[in-house]
Amino acid sequence: MTTPPPQGNPYAQGQQQPQGQNPFAQGQPGFPQQAGQPGFPPQGAPVPPEQPRRKIGFKAIKNIVIVVVLAGAAIGAFISSRDDANTAAVGDCMHRGSTSDDNPDLEVVDCNSSDAQYEVLAKIDGSFLSDTLASSKCEAEARDFQYVYTQSGDGKDFLLCLKDYKK
């Protein structure tokens, strides 16, 4: 009695090929798995419903708007503070943005600008509680000053000695 020759791959040593299936289709990419194979529910099984998408609620929109507004305010404050009196240096020209003597809103401007009203003769760091003390300090630093401007409370106290800018 002779044994029949083995079926399938003669080079597969000891491996058995499944009966009735295409041995070349196993593991080939591009072919979706069929129902009933491992990893898929059997045919006729109920498919679980798709998860509902998360809706953006009122609170999320409100929080986003608040963050955008606060970021805009911070950027605006930074940009507007770049030309304040605290950035002034000797020789800079200033413009008075307010008629109030308590808060003249001095801003640094270009000396060629038509807005230039004052010239900075001296800038002195420190706190000056009275106009007399500020004037005597400016007298020592810049003899031909006409105005004093003191600022305190915004982190850095200083005194500006100013005179009218003549174009």
N, C-alpha and C. Protein backbone atom coordinates (compact mmCIF):
# COMPACT_ATOMS: atom_id res chain seq x y z
N MET A 1 0.83 -1.15 0.00
CA MET A 1 0.00 0.00 0.00
C MET A 1 0.89 1.22 0.00
N THR A 2 0.56 2.14 -0.86
CA THR A 2 1.34 3.36 -0.97
C THR A 2 0.51 4.51 -0.44
N THR A 3 1.20 5.51 0.12
CA THR A 3 0.49 6.67 0.66
C THR A 3 0.35 7.72 -0.44
N PRO A 4 -0.78 8.37 -0.46
CA PRO A 4 -0.95 9.40 -1.49
C PRO A 4 -0.02 10.57 -1.22
N PRO A 5 0.37 11.31 -2.26
CA PRO A 5 1.26 12.45 -2.06
C PRO A 5 0.56 13.55 -1.26
N PRO A 6 1.31 14.31 -0.47
CA PRO A 6 0.69 15.38 0.33
C PRO A 6 0.15 16.48 -0.58
N GLN A 7 -0.97 17.08 -0.14
CA GLN A 7 -1.56 18.18 -0.91
C GLN A 7 -1.03 19.51 -0.37
N GLY A 8 -1.03 20.54 -1.23
CA GLY A 8 -0.61 21.86 -0.79
C GLY A 8 0.84 22.11 -1.08
N ASN A 9 1.47 22.86 -0.25
CA ASN A 9 2.85 23.29 -0.45
C ASN A 9 3.79 22.17 -0.02
N PRO A 10 4.61 21.66 -0.95
CA PRO A 10 5.51 20.60 -0.57
C PRO A 10 6.63 21.10 0.32
N TYR A 11 6.87 22.44 0.36
CA TYR A 11 7.96 23.00 1.16
C TYR A 11 7.52 23.38 2.58
N ALA A 12 6.23 23.31 2.83
CA ALA A 12 5.73 23.61 4.16
C ALA A 12 5.99 22.41 5.03
N GLN A 13 6.90 22.53 5.91
CA GLN A 13 7.33 21.38 6.71
C GLN A 13 6.41 21.22 7.91
N GLY A 14 5.61 20.26 7.85
CA GLY A 14 4.75 19.94 8.96
C GLY A 14 3.56 20.87 9.12
N GLN A 15 3.31 21.79 8.20
CA GLN A 15 2.19 22.70 8.31
C GLN A 15 1.03 22.16 7.49
N GLN A 16 -0.13 22.20 8.04
CA GLN A 16 -1.31 21.71 7.33
C GLN A 16 -2.05 22.89 6.74
N GLN A 17 -2.49 22.79 5.52
CA GLN A 17 -3.29 23.82 4.87
C GLN A 17 -4.75 23.55 5.17
N PRO A 18 -5.53 24.57 5.47
CA PRO A 18 -6.95 24.35 5.72
C PRO A 18 -7.63 23.84 4.45
N GLN A 19 -8.53 22.94 4.62
CA GLN A 19 -9.22 22.35 3.49
C GLN A 19 -10.29 23.30 2.97
N GLY A 20 -10.40 23.42 1.67
CA GLY A 20 -11.47 24.17 1.03
C GLY A 20 -11.27 25.68 1.04
N GLN A 21 -10.11 26.17 1.39
CA GLN A 21 -9.87 27.62 1.37
C GLN A 21 -8.71 27.92 0.46
N ASN A 22 -8.68 29.08 -0.05
CA ASN A 22 -7.59 29.52 -0.92
C ASN A 22 -6.39 29.83 -0.04
N PRO A 23 -5.29 29.10 -0.15
CA PRO A 23 -4.15 29.35 0.73
C PRO A 23 -3.47 30.66 0.44
N PHE A 24 -3.69 31.22 -0.71
CA PHE A 24 -3.02 32.48 -1.08
C PHE A 24 -3.78 33.71 -0.59
N ALA A 25 -5.04 33.55 -0.19
CA ALA A 25 -5.85 34.67 0.26
C ALA A 25 -5.60 34.99 1.73
N GLN A 26 -4.91 34.13 2.46
CA GLN A 26 -4.68 34.35 3.88
C GLN A 26 -3.72 35.52 4.08
N GLY A 27 -4.15 36.53 4.84
CA GLY A 27 -3.27 37.64 5.22
C GLY A 27 -2.97 38.63 4.12
N GLN A 28 -3.66 38.53 2.98
CA GLN A 28 -3.40 39.50 1.92
C GLN A 28 -4.09 40.82 2.26
N PRO A 29 -3.36 41.93 2.11
CA PRO A 29 -3.99 43.21 2.41
C PRO A 29 -4.96 43.60 1.31
N GLY A 30 -5.92 44.42 1.67
CA GLY A 30 -6.85 44.95 0.70
C GLY A 30 -8.16 44.21 0.67
N PHE A 31 -8.26 43.05 1.32
CA PHE A 31 -9.50 42.31 1.36
C PHE A 31 -10.09 42.42 2.75
N PRO A 32 -11.31 42.96 2.87
CA PRO A 32 -11.89 43.07 4.22
C PRO A 32 -12.26 41.70 4.75
N GLN A 33 -12.19 41.58 6.05
CA GLN A 33 -12.58 40.31 6.67
C GLN A 33 -14.09 40.16 6.56
N GLN A 34 -14.49 38.93 6.51
CA GLN A 34 -15.91 38.62 6.39
C GLN A 34 -16.48 38.37 7.79
N ALA A 35 -17.80 38.55 7.89
CA ALA A 35 -18.46 38.28 9.15
C ALA A 35 -18.27 36.82 9.49
N GLY A 36 -18.12 36.53 10.74
CA GLY A 36 -17.92 35.17 11.17
C GLY A 36 -16.47 34.85 11.42
N GLN A 37 -15.58 35.67 10.93
CA GLN A 37 -14.16 35.47 11.19
C GLN A 37 -13.80 36.15 12.50
N PRO A 38 -12.65 35.81 13.06
CA PRO A 38 -12.29 36.40 14.35
C PRO A 38 -12.24 37.93 14.27
N GLY A 39 -12.77 38.59 15.28
CA GLY A 39 -12.76 40.05 15.35
C GLY A 39 -14.04 40.67 14.84
N PHE A 40 -14.93 39.88 14.21
CA PHE A 40 -16.19 40.42 13.71
C PHE A 40 -17.32 39.62 14.32
N PRO A 41 -18.46 40.28 14.57
CA PRO A 41 -19.58 39.54 15.13
C PRO A 41 -20.14 38.58 14.08
N PRO A 42 -20.75 37.50 14.51
CA PRO A 42 -21.34 36.58 13.54
C PRO A 42 -22.49 37.24 12.80
N GLN A 43 -22.79 36.68 11.61
CA GLN A 43 -23.87 37.26 10.81
C GLN A 43 -25.17 37.17 11.58
N GLY A 44 -25.96 38.23 11.44
CA GLY A 44 -27.24 38.27 12.10
C GLY A 44 -27.18 38.87 13.50
N ALA A 45 -25.98 39.11 14.01
CA ALA A 45 -25.86 39.70 15.34
C ALA A 45 -26.16 41.19 15.25
N PRO A 46 -26.78 41.76 16.27
CA PRO A 46 -27.08 43.20 16.22
C PRO A 46 -25.79 44.01 16.27
N VAL A 47 -25.75 45.03 15.45
CA VAL A 47 -24.60 45.93 15.41
C VAL A 47 -24.84 47.01 16.46
N PRO A 48 -23.86 47.27 17.34
CA PRO A 48 -24.08 48.31 18.36
C PRO A 48 -24.27 49.67 17.71
N PRO A 49 -25.13 50.50 18.29
CA PRO A 49 -25.37 51.83 17.69
C PRO A 49 -24.11 52.69 17.78
N GLU A 50 -23.98 53.59 16.81
CA GLU A 50 -22.82 54.49 16.78
C GLU A 50 -22.93 55.47 17.94
N GLN A 51 -21.80 55.75 18.57
CA GLN A 51 -21.79 56.66 19.70
C GLN A 51 -22.24 58.05 19.24
N PRO A 52 -23.10 58.71 20.00
CA PRO A 52 -23.52 60.05 19.60
C PRO A 52 -22.34 61.02 19.68
N ARG A 53 -22.29 61.93 18.74
CA ARG A 53 -21.20 62.91 18.73
C ARG A 53 -21.42 63.91 19.85
N ARG A 54 -20.29 64.36 20.39
CA ARG A 54 -20.35 65.31 21.50
C ARG A 54 -20.72 66.69 20.96
N LYS A 55 -21.75 67.26 21.53
CA LYS A 55 -22.19 68.58 21.11
C LYS A 55 -21.46 69.65 21.92
N ILE A 56 -21.14 70.76 21.28
CA ILE A 56 -20.52 71.87 21.99
C ILE A 56 -21.64 72.63 22.69
N GLY A 57 -21.53 72.69 23.98
CA GLY A 57 -22.58 73.31 24.77
C GLY A 57 -22.34 74.80 24.99
N PHE A 58 -23.31 75.41 25.62
CA PHE A 58 -23.24 76.85 25.90
C PHE A 58 -22.04 77.18 26.78
N LYS A 59 -21.76 76.33 27.78
CA LYS A 59 -20.64 76.60 28.68
C LYS A 59 -19.31 76.63 27.94
N ALA A 60 -19.12 75.69 27.02
CA ALA A 60 -17.86 75.64 26.27
C ALA A 60 -17.71 76.90 25.41
N ILE A 61 -18.77 77.30 24.75
CA ILE A 61 -18.72 78.51 23.91
C ILE A 61 -18.46 79.73 24.78
N LYS A 62 -19.12 79.80 25.93
CA LYS A 62 -18.92 80.94 26.85
C LYS A 62 -17.47 81.00 27.31
N ASN A 63 -16.89 79.86 27.68
CA ASN A 63 -15.50 79.83 28.14
C ASN A 63 -14.54 80.24 27.04
N ILE A 64 -14.78 79.81 25.83
CA ILE A 64 -13.93 80.19 24.70
C ILE A 64 -14.00 81.70 24.48
N VAL A 65 -15.19 82.25 24.51
CA VAL A 65 -15.35 83.70 24.32
C VAL A 65 -14.62 84.48 25.42
N ILE A 66 -14.73 84.01 26.66
CA ILE A 66 -14.06 84.69 27.78
C ILE A 66 -12.55 84.67 27.58
N VAL A 67 -12.00 83.54 27.19
CA VAL A 67 -10.55 83.43 26.97
C VAL A 67 -10.10 84.37 25.85
N VAL A 68 -10.86 84.43 24.77
CA VAL A 68 -10.50 85.30 23.64
C VAL A 68 -10.56 86.77 24.06
N VAL A 69 -11.57 87.15 24.81
CA VAL A 69 -11.70 88.54 25.26
C VAL A 69 -10.56 88.92 26.20
N LEU A 70 -10.24 88.04 27.14
CA LEU A 70 -9.14 88.32 28.08
C LEU A 70 -7.80 88.41 27.35
N ALA A 71 -7.57 87.53 26.39
CA ALA A 71 -6.32 87.59 25.62
C ALA A 71 -6.25 88.89 24.82
N GLY A 72 -7.36 89.31 24.25
CA GLY A 72 -7.39 90.57 23.51
C GLY A 72 -7.12 91.77 24.41
N ALA A 73 -7.70 91.75 25.61
CA ALA A 73 -7.47 92.85 26.55
C ALA A 73 -6.01 92.91 26.98
N ALA A 74 -5.41 91.75 27.22
CA ALA A 74 -4.00 91.71 27.63
C ALA A 74 -3.10 92.22 26.51
N ILE A 75 -3.38 91.82 25.30
CA ILE A 75 -2.58 92.29 24.16
C ILE A 75 -2.76 93.79 23.97
N GLY A 76 -3.99 94.26 24.08
CA GLY A 76 -4.25 95.69 23.95
C GLY A 76 -3.56 96.51 25.03
N ALA A 77 -3.56 96.02 26.25
CA ALA A 77 -2.89 96.73 27.34
C ALA A 77 -1.39 96.78 27.12
N PHE A 78 -0.83 95.68 26.63
CA PHE A 78 0.61 95.66 26.35
C PHE A 78 0.97 96.65 25.25
N ILE A 79 0.20 96.67 24.18
CA ILE A 79 0.51 97.58 23.07
C ILE A 79 0.35 99.03 23.50
N SER A 80 -0.70 99.33 24.26
CA SER A 80 -0.91 100.72 24.66
C SER A 80 0.11 101.18 25.70
N SER A 81 0.69 100.26 26.46
CA SER A 81 1.64 100.66 27.49
C SER A 81 3.05 100.86 26.93
N ARG A 82 3.27 100.47 25.69
CA ARG A 82 4.62 100.60 25.13
C ARG A 82 5.02 102.06 24.92
N ASP A 83 4.07 102.97 24.79
CA ASP A 83 4.43 104.36 24.57
C ASP A 83 3.99 105.25 25.73
N ASP A 84 3.83 104.69 26.91
CA ASP A 84 3.48 105.47 28.09
C ASP A 84 4.69 106.24 28.59
N ALA A 85 4.45 107.08 29.58
CA ALA A 85 5.51 107.90 30.15
C ALA A 85 6.62 107.06 30.77
N ASN A 86 6.31 105.85 31.24
CA ASN A 86 7.35 105.04 31.88
C ASN A 86 8.39 104.52 30.88
N THR A 87 8.10 104.60 29.59
CA THR A 87 9.08 104.19 28.58
C THR A 87 9.89 105.38 28.07
N ALA A 88 9.59 106.58 28.55
CA ALA A 88 10.27 107.78 28.08
C ALA A 88 11.73 107.80 28.51
N ALA A 89 12.55 108.39 27.66
CA ALA A 89 13.97 108.55 27.95
C ALA A 89 14.34 110.01 27.69
N VAL A 90 15.50 110.41 28.18
CA VAL A 90 15.96 111.78 27.96
C VAL A 90 16.07 112.02 26.45
N GLY A 91 15.49 113.14 26.00
CA GLY A 91 15.51 113.50 24.58
C GLY A 91 14.24 113.12 23.85
N ASP A 92 13.39 112.27 24.45
CA ASP A 92 12.12 111.90 23.82
C ASP A 92 11.15 113.07 23.85
N CYS A 93 10.20 113.03 22.93
CA CYS A 93 9.13 114.02 22.92
C CYS A 93 7.85 113.37 23.43
N MET A 94 7.03 114.18 24.09
CA MET A 94 5.82 113.68 24.73
C MET A 94 4.61 114.45 24.22
N HIS A 95 3.46 113.77 24.29
CA HIS A 95 2.18 114.37 23.94
C HIS A 95 1.24 114.18 25.12
N ARG A 96 0.51 115.21 25.44
CA ARG A 96 -0.44 115.15 26.55
C ARG A 96 -1.79 114.72 25.98
N GLY A 97 -2.28 113.57 26.43
CA GLY A 97 -3.52 113.02 25.90
C GLY A 97 -4.76 113.45 26.66
N SER A 98 -4.60 114.17 27.77
CA SER A 98 -5.73 114.55 28.61
C SER A 98 -5.51 115.97 29.13
N THR A 99 -6.59 116.67 29.41
CA THR A 99 -6.48 118.03 29.96
C THR A 99 -6.42 118.01 31.48
N SER A 100 -6.58 116.84 32.08
CA SER A 100 -6.56 116.73 33.53
C SER A 100 -5.13 116.85 34.06
N ASP A 101 -4.95 117.69 35.08
CA ASP A 101 -3.63 117.82 35.70
C ASP A 101 -3.31 116.61 36.58
N ASP A 102 -4.33 115.92 37.07
CA ASP A 102 -4.10 114.74 37.91
C ASP A 102 -3.65 113.54 37.08
N ASN A 103 -4.12 113.45 35.84
CA ASN A 103 -3.74 112.34 34.96
C ASN A 103 -3.60 112.88 33.54
N PRO A 104 -2.43 113.46 33.21
CA PRO A 104 -2.27 114.07 31.88
C PRO A 104 -2.13 113.06 30.75
N ASP A 105 -1.99 111.78 31.05
CA ASP A 105 -1.88 110.72 30.05
C ASP A 105 -0.78 111.02 29.02
N LEU A 106 0.43 111.18 29.53
CA LEU A 106 1.57 111.46 28.65
C LEU A 106 1.95 110.24 27.83
N GLU A 107 2.22 110.47 26.55
CA GLU A 107 2.63 109.40 25.65
C GLU A 107 3.87 109.84 24.90
N VAL A 108 4.76 108.88 24.65
CA VAL A 108 5.95 109.15 23.84
C VAL A 108 5.52 109.25 22.39
N VAL A 109 5.96 110.31 21.71
CA VAL A 109 5.67 110.49 20.28
C VAL A 109 6.97 110.85 19.56
N ASP A 110 6.94 110.73 18.26
CA ASP A 110 8.09 111.13 17.46
C ASP A 110 8.24 112.65 17.51
N CYS A 111 9.47 113.13 17.62
CA CYS A 111 9.68 114.58 17.73
C CYS A 111 9.33 115.31 16.43
N ASN A 112 9.27 114.62 15.31
CA ASN A 112 8.86 115.25 14.04
C ASN A 112 7.35 115.29 13.89
N SER A 113 6.63 114.66 14.81
CA SER A 113 5.18 114.62 14.76
C SER A 113 4.60 115.97 15.19
N SER A 114 3.43 116.28 14.66
CA SER A 114 2.74 117.52 15.06
C SER A 114 2.18 117.39 16.47
N ASP A 115 2.14 116.17 17.02
CA ASP A 115 1.63 115.96 18.38
C ASP A 115 2.68 116.26 19.45
N ALA A 116 3.94 116.41 19.08
CA ALA A 116 5.00 116.63 20.07
C ALA A 116 4.77 117.96 20.79
N GLN A 117 4.62 117.90 22.14
CA GLN A 117 4.38 119.10 22.94
C GLN A 117 5.49 119.38 23.93
N TYR A 118 6.11 118.30 24.47
CA TYR A 118 7.12 118.45 25.51
C TYR A 118 8.36 117.65 25.14
N GLU A 119 9.49 118.08 25.71
CA GLU A 119 10.73 117.33 25.56
C GLU A 119 11.18 116.89 26.95
N VAL A 120 11.66 115.64 27.04
CA VAL A 120 12.12 115.11 28.31
C VAL A 120 13.57 115.55 28.52
N LEU A 121 13.81 116.32 29.59
CA LEU A 121 15.17 116.79 29.91
C LEU A 121 15.87 115.85 30.88
N ALA A 122 15.09 115.22 31.77
CA ALA A 122 15.68 114.30 32.74
C ALA A 122 14.62 113.31 33.18
N LYS A 123 15.08 112.09 33.49
CA LYS A 123 14.21 111.07 34.06
C LYS A 123 14.92 110.55 35.30
N ILE A 124 14.25 110.67 36.44
CA ILE A 124 14.87 110.33 37.72
C ILE A 124 14.00 109.27 38.40
N ASP A 125 14.62 108.14 38.72
CA ASP A 125 13.91 107.07 39.40
C ASP A 125 13.74 107.41 40.88
N GLY A 126 12.61 106.99 41.43
CA GLY A 126 12.35 107.19 42.85
C GLY A 126 10.97 107.77 43.07
N SER A 127 10.60 107.88 44.33
CA SER A 127 9.30 108.40 44.71
C SER A 127 9.45 109.84 45.19
N PHE A 128 8.61 110.72 44.69
CA PHE A 128 8.65 112.14 45.04
C PHE A 128 7.25 112.53 45.51
N LEU A 129 7.10 112.70 46.82
CA LEU A 129 5.79 112.90 47.42
C LEU A 129 5.25 114.31 47.28
N SER A 130 6.11 115.28 47.05
CA SER A 130 5.61 116.66 46.93
C SER A 130 6.17 117.29 45.66
N ASP A 131 5.44 118.29 45.17
CA ASP A 131 5.90 119.01 43.98
C ASP A 131 7.18 119.79 44.27
N THR A 132 7.34 120.26 45.51
CA THR A 132 8.54 120.99 45.88
C THR A 132 9.77 120.09 45.80
N LEU A 133 9.65 118.89 46.31
CA LEU A 133 10.75 117.94 46.23
C LEU A 133 11.05 117.58 44.79
N ALA A 134 10.01 117.36 43.97
CA ALA A 134 10.20 117.03 42.56
C ALA A 134 10.86 118.20 41.81
N SER A 135 10.41 119.41 42.09
CA SER A 135 10.98 120.59 41.42
C SER A 135 12.45 120.78 41.80
N SER A 136 12.79 120.58 43.07
CA SER A 136 14.19 120.75 43.48
C SER A 136 15.06 119.66 42.84
N LYS A 137 14.54 118.47 42.66
CA LYS A 137 15.30 117.40 42.00
C LYS A 137 15.51 117.73 40.53
N CYS A 138 14.48 118.26 39.87
CA CYS A 138 14.62 118.65 38.46
C CYS A 138 15.57 119.84 38.32
N GLU A 139 15.53 120.75 39.28
CA GLU A 139 16.44 121.91 39.26
C GLU A 139 17.89 121.44 39.27
N ALA A 140 18.17 120.39 40.03
CA ALA A 140 19.53 119.87 40.12
C ALA A 140 19.93 119.12 38.85
N GLU A 141 18.99 118.49 38.16
CA GLU A 141 19.29 117.67 36.98
C GLU A 141 19.19 118.45 35.67
N ALA A 142 18.19 119.33 35.54
CA ALA A 142 17.94 120.05 34.28
C ALA A 142 17.47 121.46 34.60
N ARG A 143 18.37 122.40 34.48
CA ARG A 143 18.09 123.78 34.91
C ARG A 143 16.95 124.44 34.14
N ASP A 144 16.80 124.18 32.85
CA ASP A 144 15.78 124.90 32.07
C ASP A 144 14.46 124.14 31.96
N PHE A 145 14.15 123.28 32.94
CA PHE A 145 12.88 122.56 32.92
C PHE A 145 11.73 123.53 33.19
N GLN A 146 10.53 123.17 32.72
CA GLN A 146 9.34 123.98 32.96
C GLN A 146 8.26 123.22 33.73
N TYR A 147 8.23 121.90 33.56
CA TYR A 147 7.17 121.08 34.16
C TYR A 147 7.78 119.84 34.80
N VAL A 148 7.09 119.35 35.84
CA VAL A 148 7.47 118.07 36.43
C VAL A 148 6.30 117.12 36.27
N TYR A 149 6.63 115.87 36.05
CA TYR A 149 5.62 114.81 35.98
C TYR A 149 6.11 113.67 36.85
N THR A 150 5.32 113.31 37.85
CA THR A 150 5.69 112.19 38.71
C THR A 150 4.69 111.06 38.49
N GLN A 151 5.23 109.84 38.54
CA GLN A 151 4.37 108.67 38.43
C GLN A 151 4.77 107.69 39.51
N SER A 152 3.76 107.16 40.19
CA SER A 152 4.02 106.16 41.23
C SER A 152 2.85 105.19 41.29
N GLY A 153 3.13 104.02 41.81
CA GLY A 153 2.08 103.06 42.01
C GLY A 153 1.92 102.03 40.90
N ASP A 154 2.53 102.22 39.75
CA ASP A 154 2.41 101.25 38.66
C ASP A 154 3.63 100.35 38.59
N GLY A 155 4.28 100.14 39.70
CA GLY A 155 5.42 99.23 39.74
C GLY A 155 6.75 99.96 39.73
N LYS A 156 6.82 101.11 39.05
CA LYS A 156 8.07 101.84 39.00
C LYS A 156 7.77 103.33 39.21
N ASP A 157 8.35 103.90 40.24
CA ASP A 157 8.16 105.33 40.54
C ASP A 157 9.27 106.12 39.86
N PHE A 158 8.89 107.25 39.24
CA PHE A 158 9.89 108.08 38.58
C PHE A 158 9.38 109.50 38.44
N LEU A 159 10.28 110.36 38.02
CA LEU A 159 10.01 111.78 37.82
C LEU A 159 10.53 112.16 36.44
N LEU A 160 9.72 112.90 35.67
CA LEU A 160 10.16 113.44 34.38
C LEU A 160 10.27 114.95 34.51
N CYS A 161 11.38 115.50 34.05
CA CYS A 161 11.55 116.95 33.98
C CYS A 161 11.33 117.33 32.52
N LEU A 162 10.33 118.19 32.27
CA LEU A 162 9.91 118.49 30.90
C LEU A 162 10.02 119.97 30.60
N LYS A 163 10.11 120.27 29.32
CA LYS A 163 9.99 121.65 28.85
C LYS A 163 9.20 121.62 27.55
N ASP A 164 8.65 122.78 27.17
CA ASP A 164 7.91 122.87 25.91
C ASP A 164 8.83 122.50 24.76
N TYR A 165 8.30 121.75 23.81
CA TYR A 165 9.10 121.35 22.65
C TYR A 165 8.91 122.40 21.57
N LYS A 166 10.01 122.92 21.10
CA LYS A 166 9.97 123.94 20.03
C LYS A 166 10.44 123.27 18.75
N LYS A 167 9.60 123.31 17.75
CA LYS A 167 9.92 122.63 16.47
C LYS A 167 10.82 123.46 15.61
